[in-house]
Amino acid sequence: MRGTFDFRLGTGVASRAWAASEAACGQGLQAGPDVQADLFFVIGLVVVILAIPAIIGAFSDSRPPRAGTILVMIGGGLIALAIWQKPSGYSLGDIPDAFTRVIGHYLR
C-alpha cells in the first residue's frame, strides 16, 4: 500500500484516502490561538497542581518551599498568559473543555 510516512499514528504508512483528506483540510497540527491559549492554561494548571505536594512536603520537613514556589510562579505565569490571550477568560465549566480540546487536538 502506498502512502506517506505518518509520525502521529505510529503506523509508518498512511492510506491515500487519509493523505487526501489531510491535504483537503490543510490543517495538520497547526494550533489556532484558542488551542494555544488552552494549551498554556492546561500546562499551567498541571504545573500548579504538581506544586502542591512539593509545598506541603517542604513545610512538613520544616524547610523553605523553594521548588514549590518556583512551580507556582511558572504555572501562574502560564495561566496568566492563557487568560491574556483569551480575553473571555475561563470559568470552572471551561476547564474540562480546555483539557478535551488540547488532548483532542494533539491526538487527532
C-alpha atoms as a PDB file:
ATOM      1  CA  MET A   1       0.000   0.000   0.000  1.00  0.00           C
ATOM      2  CA  ARG A   2       1.445   3.370  -0.983  1.00  0.00           C
ATOM      3  CA  GLY A   3       1.100   6.358   1.234  1.00  0.00           C
ATOM      4  CA  THR A   4       3.011   8.916   3.221  1.00  0.00           C
ATOM      5  CA  PHE A   5       5.046   8.407   6.367  1.00  0.00           C
ATOM      6  CA  ASP A   6       2.988   9.311   9.412  1.00  0.00           C
ATOM      7  CA  PHE A   7       4.654  10.069  12.730  1.00  0.00           C
ATOM      8  CA  ARG A   8       1.404  10.811  14.583  1.00  0.00           C
ATOM      9  CA  LEU A   9      -0.271   7.469  14.023  1.00  0.00           C
ATOM     10  CA  GLY A  10       2.918   5.482  14.549  1.00  0.00           C
ATOM     11  CA  THR A  11       1.995   3.155  11.697  1.00  0.00           C
ATOM     12  CA  GLY A  12       4.611   4.314   9.228  1.00  0.00           C
ATOM     13  CA  VAL A  13       2.282   4.321   6.225  1.00  0.00           C
ATOM     14  CA  ALA A  14      -0.930   6.251   5.843  1.00  0.00           C
ATOM     15  CA  SER A  15      -3.549   5.403   3.296  1.00  0.00           C
ATOM     16  CA  ARG A  16      -4.142   7.564   0.240  1.00  0.00           C
ATOM     17  CA  ALA A  17      -7.587   8.495   1.491  1.00  0.00           C
ATOM     18  CA  TRP A  18      -6.183   9.810   4.763  1.00  0.00           C
ATOM     19  CA  ALA A  19      -3.444  11.766   2.980  1.00  0.00           C
ATOM     20  CA  ALA A  20      -6.002  13.243   0.583  1.00  0.00           C
ATOM     21  CA  SER A  21      -8.346  14.264   3.388  1.00  0.00           C
ATOM     22  CA  GLU A  22      -5.445  15.822   5.302  1.00  0.00           C
ATOM     23  CA  ALA A  23      -4.404  17.798   2.216  1.00  0.00           C
ATOM     24  CA  ALA A  24      -8.001  18.879   1.586  1.00  0.00           C
ATOM     25  CA  CYS A  25      -8.383  20.146   5.136  1.00  0.00           C
ATOM     26  CA  GLY A  26      -4.970  21.778   5.088  1.00  0.00           C
ATOM     27  CA  GLN A  27      -4.907  21.911   8.855  1.00  0.00           C
ATOM     28  CA  GLY A  28      -2.326  19.409  10.013  1.00  0.00           C
ATOM     29  CA  LEU A  29      -1.180  20.211  13.563  1.00  0.00           C
ATOM     30  CA  GLN A  30      -1.314  23.971  13.265  1.00  0.00           C
ATOM     31  CA  ALA A  31      -2.676  25.301  16.517  1.00  0.00           C
ATOM     32  CA  GLY A  32      -5.008  28.264  16.378  1.00  0.00           C
ATOM     33  CA  PRO A  33      -4.950  30.994  19.018  1.00  0.00           C
ATOM     34  CA  ASP A  34      -7.686  29.329  21.092  1.00  0.00           C
ATOM     35  CA  VAL A  35      -5.916  25.962  21.175  1.00  0.00           C
ATOM     36  CA  GLN A  36      -2.630  27.664  22.026  1.00  0.00           C
ATOM     37  CA  ALA A  37      -4.247  29.563  24.904  1.00  0.00           C
ATOM     38  CA  ASP A  38      -5.883  26.338  26.070  1.00  0.00           C
ATOM     39  CA  LEU A  39      -2.516  24.575  25.926  1.00  0.00           C
ATOM     40  CA  PHE A  40      -0.887  27.259  28.091  1.00  0.00           C
ATOM     41  CA  PHE A  41      -3.817  27.078  30.508  1.00  0.00           C
ATOM     42  CA  VAL A  42      -3.724  23.271  30.787  1.00  0.00           C
ATOM     43  CA  ILE A  43       0.058  23.102  31.264  1.00  0.00           C
ATOM     44  CA  GLY A  44      -0.066  25.917  33.820  1.00  0.00           C
ATOM     45  CA  LEU A  45      -2.856  24.231  35.746  1.00  0.00           C
ATOM     46  CA  VAL A  46      -0.998  20.894  35.805  1.00  0.00           C
ATOM     47  CA  VAL A  47       2.215  22.596  36.993  1.00  0.00           C
ATOM     48  CA  VAL A  48       0.364  24.420  39.793  1.00  0.00           C
ATOM     49  CA  ILE A  49      -1.334  21.187  40.875  1.00  0.00           C
ATOM     50  CA  LEU A  50       2.046  19.406  40.926  1.00  0.00           C
ATOM     51  CA  ALA A  51       3.448  22.208  43.098  1.00  0.00           C
ATOM     52  CA  ILE A  52       1.015  21.493  45.930  1.00  0.00           C
ATOM     53  CA  PRO A  53       2.706  18.258  47.138  1.00  0.00           C
ATOM     54  CA  ALA A  54       6.119  19.934  46.871  1.00  0.00           C
ATOM     55  CA  ILE A  55       4.964  22.806  49.072  1.00  0.00           C
ATOM     56  CA  ILE A  56       3.299  20.521  51.619  1.00  0.00           C
ATOM     57  CA  GLY A  57       6.390  18.295  51.757  1.00  0.00           C
ATOM     58  CA  ALA A  58       8.679  21.273  52.291  1.00  0.00           C
ATOM     59  CA  PHE A  59       6.547  22.636  55.121  1.00  0.00           C
ATOM     60  CA  SER A  60       6.283  19.233  56.781  1.00  0.00           C
ATOM     61  CA  ASP A  61      10.106  18.930  56.747  1.00  0.00           C
ATOM     62  CA  SER A  62      10.482  22.487  58.122  1.00  0.00           C
ATOM     63  CA  ARG A  63      12.359  23.774  55.086  1.00  0.00           C
ATOM     64  CA  PRO A  64      11.573  26.608  52.703  1.00  0.00           C
ATOM     65  CA  PRO A  65       9.339  25.607  49.764  1.00  0.00           C
ATOM     66  CA  ARG A  66      11.675  26.852  47.021  1.00  0.00           C
ATOM     67  CA  ALA A  67      10.822  24.296  44.323  1.00  0.00           C
ATOM     68  CA  GLY A  68       7.105  24.580  45.008  1.00  0.00           C
ATOM     69  CA  THR A  69       7.266  28.346  44.832  1.00  0.00           C
ATOM     70  CA  ILE A  70       9.082  28.239  41.501  1.00  0.00           C
ATOM     71  CA  LEU A  71       6.499  25.790  40.138  1.00  0.00           C
ATOM     72  CA  VAL A  72       3.637  28.024  41.292  1.00  0.00           C
ATOM     73  CA  MET A  73       5.249  31.034  39.614  1.00  0.00           C
ATOM     74  CA  ILE A  74       5.775  29.150  36.333  1.00  0.00           C
ATOM     75  CA  GLY A  75       2.258  27.698  36.368  1.00  0.00           C
ATOM     76  CA  GLY A  76       0.718  31.007  37.355  1.00  0.00           C
ATOM     77  CA  GLY A  77       2.594  32.741  34.559  1.00  0.00           C
ATOM     78  CA  LEU A  78       1.301  30.227  32.022  1.00  0.00           C
ATOM     79  CA  ILE A  79      -2.255  30.628  33.305  1.00  0.00           C
ATOM     80  CA  ALA A  80      -1.938  34.422  33.157  1.00  0.00           C
ATOM     81  CA  LEU A  81      -0.603  34.177  29.598  1.00  0.00           C
ATOM     82  CA  ALA A  82      -3.551  31.982  28.606  1.00  0.00           C
ATOM     83  CA  ILE A  83      -6.053  34.416  30.113  1.00  0.00           C
ATOM     84  CA  TRP A  84      -4.292  37.317  28.395  1.00  0.00           C
ATOM     85  CA  GLN A  85      -4.544  35.523  25.027  1.00  0.00           C
ATOM     86  CA  LYS A  86      -8.208  34.624  25.564  1.00  0.00           C
ATOM     87  CA  PRO A  87      -9.998  37.801  26.671  1.00  0.00           C
ATOM     88  CA  SER A  88     -13.215  35.955  27.535  1.00  0.00           C
ATOM     89  CA  GLY A  89     -11.255  34.079  30.203  1.00  0.00           C
ATOM     90  CA  TYR A  90     -12.010  30.688  31.717  1.00  0.00           C
ATOM     91  CA  SER A  91     -14.802  29.657  34.029  1.00  0.00           C
ATOM     92  CA  LEU A  92     -14.870  26.456  36.085  1.00  0.00           C
ATOM     93  CA  GLY A  93     -17.018  24.838  33.393  1.00  0.00           C
ATOM     94  CA  ASP A  94     -14.430  25.672  30.730  1.00  0.00           C
ATOM     95  CA  ILE A  95     -11.611  23.733  32.395  1.00  0.00           C
ATOM     96  CA  PRO A  96     -12.701  20.225  31.288  1.00  0.00           C
ATOM     97  CA  ASP A  97     -13.453  21.603  27.811  1.00  0.00           C
ATOM     98  CA  ALA A  98      -9.951  23.087  27.608  1.00  0.00           C
ATOM     99  CA  PHE A  99      -8.392  19.737  28.560  1.00  0.00           C
ATOM    100  CA  THR A 100     -10.553  17.980  25.966  1.00  0.00           C
ATOM    101  CA  ARG A 101      -9.649  20.462  23.215  1.00  0.00           C
ATOM    102  CA  VAL A 102      -5.918  20.196  23.921  1.00  0.00           C
ATOM    103  CA  ILE A 103      -5.868  16.401  24.113  1.00  0.00           C
ATOM    104  CA  GLY A 104      -8.131  16.095  21.087  1.00  0.00           C
ATOM    105  CA  HIS A 105      -6.023  18.488  19.045  1.00  0.00           C
ATOM    106  CA  TYR A 106      -2.763  16.652  19.626  1.00  0.00           C
ATOM    107  CA  LEU A 107      -4.171  13.108  19.387  1.00  0.00           C
ATOM    108  CA  ARG A 108      -6.137  13.826  16.220  1.00  0.00           C
END
